[in-house]
């Protein structure tokens, strides 16, 4: 990083500055750095000279998750310095750390550091959901509204995840690619914890690190309770796995996820009273985007195609889940039904309309935010709101299954074969053409299987145990 900072502070012509950003982009791509959550957008592709403002997202959007505030508190100096450097690389005028006011310990750690970086400021957020949605976050800390269907960079903004920036720090200072992931294990476990595990570790092994489950017939819910999904104990941790919620089979969240869309549609036809609550509390609608879940529910249940834009506008939905997990008093599922329609539109080549101008943001928006405390109560999660301390001690793993597609874009291409001996950090799959990043061995061992979807690595002890 020191070399990068030296180059950035030198007087350079335009082409030299572009080369410097390209150098940083190459480092991030080769080290496999992607958004450490969500869809895993390759970070190198977000380095753009149009970014006048870059934002560090420490909103911890989903209930029960803590890893970003924990990581930022522990490594405030390293993360702020790295983010400052990234701002210099793209020529950003402003560097903002979006963080909730409630994260007092993390804010204290940041205040001890940011004085050395005049362009860095805190963007304080209220404890509401979904504060971490990047379109919502951008409005809260800059006042800018990203156009419907648009990218933040069109508004001169780029948003980065806390763990992502820490991974940039490790790549530049420790020459460590992305080989592990922080994962919070919470809810029905003995000791909720946030652990660092090798990429490719099974979910079941991760859950064991929390001291075992405390419910019969546990279900592993991967990600946050609002936007996550039901997983299995055998599936591997990827670069975007943030959390595992261990929940009882009869929990509200699990039951909602297991419902069939055909039944949801029939229930909506029978129950939807067009109260408009789903639209009134929709975060994107409140920012002027033309997404109106109540109109979609009416048109879909009545098979009314007179206004096709009602269906096309579902492509502006962020899938935050508020409409079906909180807003609807009838327990209907607008988000799930809209997701199905969106998938159908995409499969038939329909793209979001361009040039849609958002409506002005109304003053009522301030009174239609959903407090996190009330959301957790509605989801029956309050009893699980316990500390999950950060534990970064090395976790011994005998076998990992590393997926070649862990990010938006083209899967990486394997460069190893069965029987190859690899060391932790060794490049095992190179970036493909187009939008792609490298994949690295997360443990020392022998490659026991390779195909177009994944690479399996086993330690000597693991191979011996299988023989």
Protein backbone atom coordinates (compact mmCIF):
# COMPACT_ATOMS: atom_id res chain seq x y z
CA UNK A 1 0.00 0.00 0.00
CA UNK A 2 2.87 2.39 0.77
CA UNK A 3 4.00 2.28 -2.85
CA UNK A 4 0.46 3.02 -4.03
CA UNK A 5 0.16 5.98 -1.65
CA UNK A 6 3.50 7.38 -2.85
CA UNK A 7 2.41 7.17 -6.46
CA UNK A 8 -0.94 8.74 -5.69
CA UNK A 9 0.64 11.80 -4.04
CA UNK A 10 3.03 12.48 -6.93
CA UNK A 11 2.23 15.01 -9.65
CA UNK A 12 1.15 12.91 -12.60
CA UNK A 13 -0.51 13.49 -15.95
CA UNK A 14 -3.96 12.08 -16.72
CA UNK A 15 -2.70 8.87 -18.35
CA UNK A 16 -0.43 8.08 -15.36
CA UNK A 17 -3.34 8.45 -12.96
CA UNK A 18 -5.38 6.04 -15.06
CA UNK A 19 -2.52 3.56 -15.01
CA UNK A 20 -2.40 3.80 -11.22
CA UNK A 21 -6.09 2.95 -10.94
CA UNK A 22 -5.56 0.10 -13.39
CA UNK A 23 -2.73 -1.20 -11.23
CA UNK A 24 -4.98 -1.25 -8.16
CA UNK A 25 -7.81 -2.83 -10.18
CA UNK A 26 -5.49 -5.62 -11.31
CA UNK A 27 -4.42 -6.33 -7.73
CA UNK A 28 -8.03 -6.58 -6.59
CA UNK A 29 -9.04 -8.81 -9.50
CA UNK A 30 -6.12 -11.20 -9.08
CA UNK A 31 -6.69 -11.43 -5.32
CA UNK A 32 -10.32 -12.40 -5.83
CA UNK A 33 -11.88 -9.44 -4.00
CA UNK A 34 -15.64 -9.10 -4.41
CA UNK A 35 -18.43 -7.57 -2.37
CA UNK A 36 -18.42 -9.59 0.85
CA UNK A 37 -22.19 -9.91 0.91
CA UNK A 38 -25.14 -9.60 -1.44
CA UNK A 39 -24.40 -10.64 -5.01
CA UNK A 40 -20.62 -10.33 -4.73
CA UNK A 41 -19.94 -7.66 -7.36
CA UNK A 42 -16.21 -7.71 -8.28
CA UNK A 43 -14.62 -4.79 -6.43
CA UNK A 44 -12.13 -3.87 -9.14
CA UNK A 45 -15.04 -3.01 -11.45
CA UNK A 46 -16.29 -0.40 -8.95
CA UNK A 47 -13.08 1.63 -9.19
CA UNK A 48 -14.28 4.38 -11.49
CA UNK A 49 -13.03 7.91 -12.07
CA UNK A 50 -16.67 9.11 -12.10
CA UNK A 51 -16.92 8.41 -8.36
CA UNK A 52 -16.98 11.81 -6.67
CA UNK A 53 -18.09 10.16 -3.43
CA UNK A 54 -17.27 6.71 -2.08
CA UNK A 55 -19.26 5.27 0.80
CA UNK A 56 -18.25 2.58 3.29
CA UNK A 57 -21.40 0.64 4.17
CA UNK A 58 -21.48 -0.17 7.88
CA UNK A 59 -25.26 -0.02 8.20
CA UNK A 60 -25.45 -3.74 9.08
CA UNK A 61 -28.71 -3.84 7.17
CA UNK A 62 -30.23 -7.12 8.41
CA UNK A 63 -31.45 -7.89 11.96
CA UNK A 64 -29.07 -9.87 14.25
CA UNK A 65 -25.94 -9.29 12.11
CA UNK A 66 -22.91 -7.65 13.72
CA UNK A 67 -19.78 -8.61 11.80
CA UNK A 68 -19.25 -5.31 9.97
CA UNK A 69 -19.38 -3.12 13.05
CA UNK A 70 -17.18 -5.62 14.91
CA UNK A 71 -14.59 -5.68 12.13
CA UNK A 72 -14.58 -1.90 11.74
CA UNK A 73 -14.17 -1.37 15.47
CA UNK A 74 -11.22 -3.76 15.66
CA UNK A 75 -9.45 -2.58 12.51
CA UNK A 76 -10.56 1.06 12.30
CA UNK A 77 -7.09 2.36 11.40
CA UNK A 78 -6.42 -0.23 8.72
CA UNK A 79 -9.84 0.06 7.08
CA UNK A 80 -10.04 3.87 7.12
CA UNK A 81 -6.49 4.18 5.73
CA UNK A 82 -7.29 1.71 2.96
CA UNK A 83 -10.58 3.41 2.12
CA UNK A 84 -8.81 6.78 2.04
CA UNK A 85 -6.32 5.29 -0.45
CA UNK A 86 -9.15 3.92 -2.61
CA UNK A 87 -10.69 7.38 -2.64
CA UNK A 88 -7.40 8.84 -3.85
CA UNK A 89 -7.12 6.18 -6.54
CA UNK A 90 -10.46 7.15 -8.12
CA UNK A 91 -10.07 10.85 -7.38
CA UNK A 92 -13.07 11.02 -5.03
CA UNK A 93 -13.72 14.37 -3.37
CA UNK A 94 -15.53 12.86 -0.41
CA UNK A 95 -15.14 9.64 1.58
CA UNK A 96 -18.12 8.76 3.77
CA UNK A 97 -18.54 6.03 6.37
CA UNK A 98 -22.23 5.20 6.61
CA UNK A 99 -22.83 3.88 10.13
CA UNK A 100 -25.76 3.70 12.51
CA UNK A 101 -25.74 6.01 15.52
CA UNK A 102 -26.37 2.99 17.75
CA UNK A 103 -22.91 1.52 17.00
CA UNK A 104 -21.26 3.68 19.65
CA UNK A 105 -18.11 1.60 20.23
CA UNK A 106 -17.34 1.51 16.53
CA UNK A 107 -17.96 5.25 16.20
CA UNK A 108 -15.55 5.88 19.09
CA UNK A 109 -12.88 3.83 17.33
CA UNK A 110 -13.46 5.74 14.08
CA UNK A 111 -13.31 9.15 15.76
CA UNK A 112 -9.80 8.32 16.98
CA UNK A 113 -8.71 7.77 13.39
CA UNK A 114 -10.56 9.95 10.90
CA UNK A 115 -8.98 13.20 12.10
CA UNK A 116 -5.94 12.32 9.98
CA UNK A 117 -8.06 12.18 6.82
CA UNK A 118 -9.80 15.54 6.11
CA UNK A 119 -11.97 14.16 3.30
CA UNK A 120 -13.36 11.36 5.48
CA UNK A 121 -16.58 11.94 7.42
CA UNK A 122 -19.20 9.87 9.20
CA UNK A 123 -22.68 9.58 7.74
CA UNK A 124 -24.81 8.76 10.79
CA UNK A 125 -27.89 6.62 10.24
CA UNK A 126 -30.98 5.78 12.27
CA UNK A 127 -31.70 2.23 13.43
CA UNK A 128 -34.17 1.43 10.64
CA UNK A 129 -34.52 -1.17 7.91
CA UNK A 130 -33.19 -1.28 5.19
CA UNK A 131 -30.56 1.35 5.96
CA UNK A 132 -27.93 -0.79 4.23
CA UNK A 133 -29.68 -0.93 0.85
CA UNK A 134 -27.21 1.05 -1.23
CA UNK A 135 -29.87 3.24 -2.88
CA UNK A 136 -31.29 4.11 0.54
CA UNK A 137 -27.81 4.58 2.02
CA UNK A 138 -26.76 6.93 -0.77
CA UNK A 139 -29.80 9.12 -0.21
CA UNK A 140 -29.33 9.18 3.55
CA UNK A 141 -25.68 10.32 3.47
CA UNK A 142 -25.57 12.41 0.25
CA UNK A 143 -29.16 13.40 -0.54
CA UNK A 144 -28.80 11.94 -4.05
CA UNK A 145 -31.50 9.72 -5.57
CA UNK A 146 -30.20 6.96 -7.83
CA UNK A 147 -32.48 6.73 -10.85
CA UNK A 148 -34.80 3.69 -11.06
CA UNK A 149 -32.83 0.80 -12.52
CA UNK A 150 -29.65 2.85 -12.50
CA UNK A 151 -26.24 2.24 -10.97
CA UNK A 152 -24.84 4.38 -8.15
CA UNK A 153 -21.88 5.42 -10.31
CA UNK A 154 -24.31 7.33 -12.56
CA UNK A 155 -24.84 9.61 -9.56
CA UNK A 156 -21.10 9.84 -8.97
CA UNK A 157 -21.16 7.39 -6.06
CA UNK A 158 -19.59 3.99 -5.33
CA UNK A 159 -20.47 1.90 -2.27
CA UNK A 160 -18.18 -0.66 -0.63
CA UNK A 161 -18.74 -3.22 2.13
CA UNK A 162 -16.61 -3.06 5.33
CA UNK A 163 -15.22 -6.59 4.99
CA UNK A 164 -14.52 -5.94 1.32
CA UNK A 165 -12.29 -2.98 2.19
CA UNK A 166 -10.57 -5.02 4.88
CA UNK A 167 -9.85 -7.64 2.21
CA UNK A 168 -8.31 -4.88 0.08
CA UNK A 169 -6.09 -3.99 3.04
CA UNK A 170 -4.98 -7.62 3.42
CA UNK A 171 -4.21 -7.93 -0.27
CA UNK A 172 -2.09 -4.76 -0.32
CA UNK A 173 -0.33 -5.12 3.03
CA UNK A 174 -0.20 -8.84 3.71
CA UNK A 175 -0.32 -10.18 0.13
CA UNK A 176 -3.27 -12.30 1.25
CA UNK A 177 -6.02 -13.03 -1.30
CA UNK A 178 -9.59 -13.83 -0.27
CA UNK A 179 -9.19 -17.27 1.30
CA UNK A 180 -11.54 -16.99 4.26
CA UNK A 181 -14.79 -15.38 5.33
CA UNK A 182 -16.29 -13.90 8.47
CA UNK A 183 -19.59 -15.59 9.30
CA UNK A 184 -21.98 -14.84 12.18
CA UNK A 185 -23.71 -17.89 13.66
CA UNK A 186 -26.76 -16.83 15.67
CA UNK A 187 -30.25 -17.71 16.95
CA UNK A 188 -30.74 -21.31 18.20
CA UNK A 189 -27.11 -21.99 19.15
CA UNK A 190 -25.35 -22.34 22.50
CA UNK A 191 -22.83 -19.53 21.96
CA UNK A 192 -23.57 -17.04 19.18
CA UNK A 193 -20.29 -16.09 17.54
CA UNK A 194 -18.71 -14.44 14.51
CA UNK A 195 -15.93 -16.66 13.17
CA UNK A 196 -13.37 -16.56 10.36
CA UNK A 197 -13.47 -19.79 8.36
CA UNK A 198 -11.78 -20.99 5.14
CA UNK A 199 -13.80 -20.50 1.96
CA UNK A 200 -15.42 -23.84 1.15
CA UNK A 201 -16.04 -24.93 4.76
CA UNK A 202 -19.43 -26.59 5.16
CA UNK A 203 -22.22 -24.72 6.91
CA UNK A 204 -22.52 -27.62 9.35
CA UNK A 205 -18.89 -27.20 10.43
CA UNK A 206 -19.41 -23.47 10.90
CA UNK A 207 -22.45 -24.04 13.12
CA UNK A 208 -20.42 -26.40 15.33
CA UNK A 209 -18.17 -23.47 16.21
CA UNK A 210 -21.13 -21.90 18.03
CA UNK A 211 -21.28 -24.78 20.49
CA UNK A 212 -24.10 -26.74 18.91
CA UNK A 213 -27.77 -26.14 18.21
CA UNK A 214 -30.49 -25.68 20.82
CA UNK A 215 -33.56 -26.77 18.88
CA UNK A 216 -34.91 -30.00 17.46
CA UNK A 217 -34.85 -30.33 13.66
CA UNK A 218 -32.85 -27.12 13.07
CA UNK A 219 -33.04 -25.28 9.76
CA UNK A 220 -30.01 -23.37 8.49
CA UNK A 221 -31.04 -19.99 7.13
CA UNK A 222 -28.18 -18.46 5.13
CA UNK A 223 -27.84 -14.68 5.20
CA UNK A 224 -30.06 -12.19 6.98
CA UNK A 225 -33.63 -13.04 8.01
CA UNK A 226 -35.13 -10.63 5.47
CA UNK A 227 -33.22 -11.48 2.29
CA UNK A 228 -31.58 -14.82 3.07
CA UNK A 229 -32.54 -18.33 2.03
CA UNK A 230 -32.92 -21.83 3.44
CA UNK A 231 -29.68 -23.74 3.02
CA UNK A 232 -28.24 -27.10 3.98
CA UNK A 233 -25.48 -28.20 6.30
CA UNK A 234 -23.45 -29.61 3.42
CA UNK A 235 -23.27 -26.47 1.30
CA UNK A 236 -20.00 -24.50 1.34
CA UNK A 237 -19.22 -21.06 2.64
CA UNK A 238 -18.60 -18.60 -0.20
CA UNK A 239 -17.16 -15.10 -0.40
CA UNK A 240 -20.64 -13.68 0.20
CA UNK A 241 -21.79 -15.84 3.14
CA UNK A 242 -22.36 -13.38 5.99
CA UNK A 243 -24.44 -15.34 8.47
CA UNK A 244 -26.12 -18.57 9.42
CA UNK A 245 -29.34 -18.32 11.43
CA UNK A 246 -30.21 -21.60 13.09
CA UNK A 247 -33.99 -21.59 13.40
CA UNK A 248 -36.65 -24.10 14.46
CA UNK A 249 -38.60 -25.67 11.63
CA UNK A 250 -41.85 -24.01 12.68
CA UNK A 251 -40.41 -20.49 12.83
CA UNK A 252 -42.33 -17.78 10.98
CA UNK A 253 -39.41 -17.02 8.64
CA UNK A 254 -38.98 -20.65 7.64
CA UNK A 255 -42.69 -21.13 7.06
CA UNK A 256 -42.86 -18.06 4.84
CA UNK A 257 -39.90 -19.21 2.76
CA UNK A 258 -41.42 -22.64 2.22
CA UNK A 259 -44.76 -21.40 0.91
CA UNK A 260 -45.61 -22.09 -2.72
CA UNK A 261 -46.18 -19.16 -5.06
CA UNK A 262 -49.31 -20.81 -6.50
CA UNK A 263 -50.86 -20.84 -3.02
CA UNK A 264 -49.61 -17.30 -2.33
CA UNK A 265 -51.36 -16.05 -5.44
CA UNK A 266 -54.65 -17.68 -4.43
CA UNK A 267 -54.39 -16.27 -0.91
CA UNK A 268 -53.76 -12.82 -2.37
CA UNK A 269 -56.83 -13.11 -4.60
CA UNK A 270 -58.92 -13.93 -1.54
CA UNK A 271 -57.38 -11.57 1.03
CA UNK A 272 -55.72 -8.52 -0.50
CA UNK A 273 -57.85 -5.53 0.48
CA UNK A 274 -55.73 -2.94 -1.35
CA UNK A 275 -54.84 -1.15 1.86
CA UNK A 276 -51.63 0.12 0.12
CA UNK A 277 -49.51 -0.52 3.23
CA UNK A 278 -46.97 -2.49 1.15
CA UNK A 279 -46.49 0.49 -1.15
CA UNK A 280 -46.62 3.11 1.60
CA UNK A 281 -43.68 1.49 3.43
CA UNK A 282 -41.70 0.44 0.32
CA UNK A 283 -38.22 2.04 0.64
CA UNK A 284 -37.77 2.40 -3.13
CA UNK A 285 -41.25 3.84 -3.61
CA UNK A 286 -40.51 6.40 -0.89
CA UNK A 287 -37.52 7.50 -3.00
CA UNK A 288 -39.76 8.08 -5.99
CA UNK A 289 -39.20 4.82 -7.85
CA UNK A 290 -42.26 3.53 -9.79
CA UNK A 291 -42.68 0.33 -7.80
CA UNK A 292 -46.19 -0.14 -6.37
CA UNK A 293 -46.66 -3.60 -4.83
CA UNK A 294 -50.38 -3.10 -4.09
CA UNK A 295 -51.14 -2.43 -7.76
CA UNK A 296 -49.10 -5.47 -8.76
CA UNK A 297 -51.06 -7.65 -6.32
CA UNK A 298 -54.36 -6.45 -7.78
CA UNK A 299 -53.27 -6.89 -11.40
CA UNK A 300 -51.66 -10.30 -10.81
CA UNK A 301 -54.57 -11.80 -8.89
CA UNK A 302 -57.15 -10.48 -11.37
CA UNK A 303 -54.97 -11.33 -14.38
CA UNK A 304 -55.46 -7.74 -15.48
CA UNK A 305 -52.97 -6.87 -18.26
CA UNK A 306 -54.43 -3.50 -19.21
CA UNK A 307 -51.48 -1.71 -17.55
CA UNK A 308 -48.35 -3.75 -18.47
CA UNK A 309 -46.08 -1.22 -16.73
CA UNK A 310 -47.40 -2.47 -13.39
CA UNK A 311 -45.63 -5.76 -14.14
CA UNK A 312 -42.57 -4.24 -15.81
CA UNK A 313 -42.03 -1.92 -12.85
CA UNK A 314 -41.53 -4.94 -10.58
CA UNK A 315 -37.99 -4.93 -12.00
CA UNK A 316 -37.31 -1.89 -9.81
CA UNK A 317 -38.01 -3.91 -6.63
CA UNK A 318 -34.93 -4.34 -4.39
CA UNK A 319 -36.38 -7.51 -2.77
CA UNK A 320 -35.80 -6.05 0.70
CA UNK A 321 -38.82 -8.06 1.88
CA UNK A 322 -40.53 -5.38 3.99
CA UNK A 323 -43.82 -5.75 2.12
CA UNK A 324 -44.29 -9.42 3.00
CA UNK A 325 -42.31 -9.71 6.23
CA UNK A 326 -43.61 -6.56 7.94
CA UNK A 327 -46.10 -4.37 6.07
CA UNK A 328 -48.89 -6.72 5.02
CA UNK A 329 -51.42 -7.30 7.78
CA UNK A 330 -52.80 -10.31 5.90
CA UNK A 331 -49.42 -12.08 5.74
CA UNK A 332 -49.35 -12.02 1.93
CA UNK A 333 -46.18 -12.26 -0.18
CA UNK A 334 -45.75 -9.38 -2.64
CA UNK A 335 -41.95 -9.66 -2.71
CA UNK A 336 -41.95 -13.38 -3.56
CA UNK A 337 -44.60 -13.03 -6.24
CA UNK A 338 -42.85 -10.03 -7.79
CA UNK A 339 -39.57 -11.95 -7.79
CA UNK A 340 -41.24 -14.72 -9.79
CA UNK A 341 -42.64 -12.25 -12.30
CA UNK A 342 -39.25 -10.49 -12.58
CA UNK A 343 -37.56 -13.79 -13.33
CA UNK A 344 -40.14 -14.51 -16.02
CA UNK A 345 -39.63 -11.11 -17.63
CA UNK A 346 -35.85 -11.55 -17.70
CA UNK A 347 -36.17 -15.05 -19.14
CA UNK A 348 -38.12 -13.53 -22.02
CA UNK A 349 -35.57 -10.83 -22.69
CA UNK A 350 -37.44 -7.96 -21.01
CA UNK A 351 -35.15 -5.36 -19.46
CA UNK A 352 -35.96 -2.53 -17.04
CA UNK A 353 -37.09 0.60 -18.89
CA UNK A 354 -34.44 3.29 -19.23
CA UNK A 355 -34.73 6.98 -18.55
CA UNK A 356 -37.38 6.70 -15.82
CA UNK A 357 -37.33 9.88 -13.75
CA UNK A 358 -38.06 9.37 -10.03
CA UNK A 359 -40.77 11.39 -8.37
CA UNK A 360 -39.69 13.97 -5.77
CA UNK A 361 -39.05 12.53 -2.32
CA UNK A 362 -41.95 13.49 -0.07
CA UNK A 363 -41.63 14.65 3.52
CA UNK A 364 -43.79 11.68 4.60
CA UNK A 365 -40.79 9.41 3.98
CA UNK A 366 -39.36 10.30 7.37
CA UNK A 367 -42.47 8.94 9.06
CA UNK A 368 -42.61 5.70 7.11
CA UNK A 369 -39.30 4.19 8.13
CA UNK A 370 -39.39 0.83 9.88
CA UNK A 371 -37.56 0.70 13.26
CA UNK A 372 -35.30 -2.32 13.59
CA UNK A 373 -36.66 -3.05 17.08
CA UNK A 374 -40.23 -3.36 15.78
CA UNK A 375 -39.10 -5.41 12.79
CA UNK A 376 -37.34 -7.94 15.03
CA UNK A 377 -40.42 -8.18 17.25
CA UNK A 378 -42.66 -8.78 14.22
CA UNK A 379 -40.31 -11.54 13.01
CA UNK A 380 -40.06 -13.17 16.46
CA UNK A 381 -36.29 -12.53 16.56
CA UNK A 382 -35.99 -10.33 19.66
CA UNK A 383 -35.08 -13.29 21.87
CA UNK A 384 -32.10 -14.01 19.58
CA UNK A 385 -30.67 -10.50 19.82
CA UNK A 386 -27.53 -11.52 21.73
CA UNK A 387 -23.86 -10.67 21.41
CA UNK A 388 -21.95 -12.73 18.85
CA UNK A 389 -18.31 -11.85 19.66
CA UNK A 390 -15.69 -11.78 16.92
CA UNK A 391 -13.36 -14.81 17.04
CA UNK A 392 -10.62 -14.82 14.39
CA UNK A 393 -8.63 -17.81 15.60
CA UNK A 394 -7.67 -20.24 12.84
CA UNK A 395 -10.22 -22.98 12.30
CA UNK A 396 -8.77 -26.40 11.32
CA UNK A 397 -10.63 -27.76 8.29
CA UNK A 398 -9.75 -31.02 6.54
CA UNK A 399 -11.77 -30.55 3.37
CA UNK A 400 -13.15 -27.59 1.41
CA UNK A 401 -15.37 -27.33 -1.63
CA UNK A 402 -14.57 -24.08 -3.40
CA UNK A 403 -17.12 -22.88 -5.96
CA UNK A 404 -15.80 -21.30 -9.15
CA UNK A 405 -18.76 -18.92 -9.32
CA UNK A 406 -18.99 -16.87 -6.13
CA UNK A 407 -19.68 -13.50 -7.69
CA UNK A 408 -21.60 -11.64 -10.38
CA UNK A 409 -19.96 -12.24 -13.75
CA UNK A 410 -18.17 -15.15 -15.39
CA UNK A 411 -16.99 -18.08 -13.21
CA UNK A 412 -13.23 -18.38 -12.71
CA UNK A 413 -11.38 -20.98 -14.81
CA UNK A 414 -9.58 -23.78 -12.94
CA UNK A 415 -5.79 -23.86 -13.37
CA UNK A 416 -5.16 -26.96 -11.23
CA UNK A 417 -5.84 -30.63 -11.80
CA UNK A 418 -6.64 -33.60 -9.61
CA UNK A 419 -3.65 -34.64 -7.53
CA UNK A 420 -1.99 -31.20 -7.49
CA UNK A 421 -0.56 -30.09 -4.18
CA UNK A 422 -1.60 -26.54 -3.25
CA UNK A 423 -0.88 -24.14 -0.42
CA UNK A 424 -3.27 -21.68 1.20
CA UNK A 425 -3.42 -18.59 -1.00
CA UNK A 426 -2.33 -20.47 -4.14
CA UNK A 427 -4.25 -19.40 -7.29
CA UNK A 428 -6.43 -22.36 -8.28
CA UNK A 429 -8.72 -20.61 -10.78
CA UNK A 430 -7.87 -17.56 -12.85
CA UNK A 431 -10.28 -14.78 -13.84
CA UNK A 432 -12.26 -15.59 -16.96
CA UNK A 433 -12.74 -13.11 -19.80
CA UNK A 434 -15.09 -10.29 -18.92
CA UNK A 435 -16.23 -9.56 -15.38
CA UNK A 436 -14.48 -12.14 -13.20
CA UNK A 437 -11.96 -12.61 -10.39
CA UNK A 438 -9.42 -15.19 -9.25
CA UNK A 439 -10.13 -18.00 -6.81
CA UNK A 440 -7.53 -19.24 -4.30
CA UNK A 441 -6.89 -22.30 -2.16
CA UNK A 442 -8.24 -21.71 1.34
CA UNK A 443 -6.22 -24.54 3.00
CA UNK A 444 -3.01 -26.47 2.37
CA UNK A 445 -3.74 -29.81 0.74
CA UNK A 446 -4.24 -31.95 -2.34
CA UNK A 447 -6.78 -31.26 -5.08
CA UNK A 448 -9.08 -34.29 -5.00
CA UNK A 449 -11.65 -33.15 -7.57
CA UNK A 450 -11.99 -30.49 -10.26
CA UNK A 451 -14.88 -29.72 -12.60
CA UNK A 452 -16.53 -26.69 -14.20
CA UNK A 453 -18.40 -25.84 -10.98
CA UNK A 454 -16.02 -26.41 -8.07
CA UNK A 455 -12.64 -27.55 -6.78
CA UNK A 456 -12.28 -29.83 -3.75
CA UNK A 457 -9.12 -29.68 -1.64
CA UNK A 458 -8.32 -32.11 1.17
CA UNK A 459 -5.56 -32.17 3.77
CA UNK A 460 -3.44 -35.30 4.22
CA UNK A 461 -5.43 -36.09 7.37
CA UNK A 462 -8.69 -35.65 5.52
CA UNK A 463 -7.62 -37.97 2.69
CA UNK A 464 -6.44 -40.57 5.17
CA UNK A 465 -9.78 -40.45 6.96
CA UNK A 466 -11.63 -41.10 3.70
CA UNK A 467 -9.54 -44.15 2.80
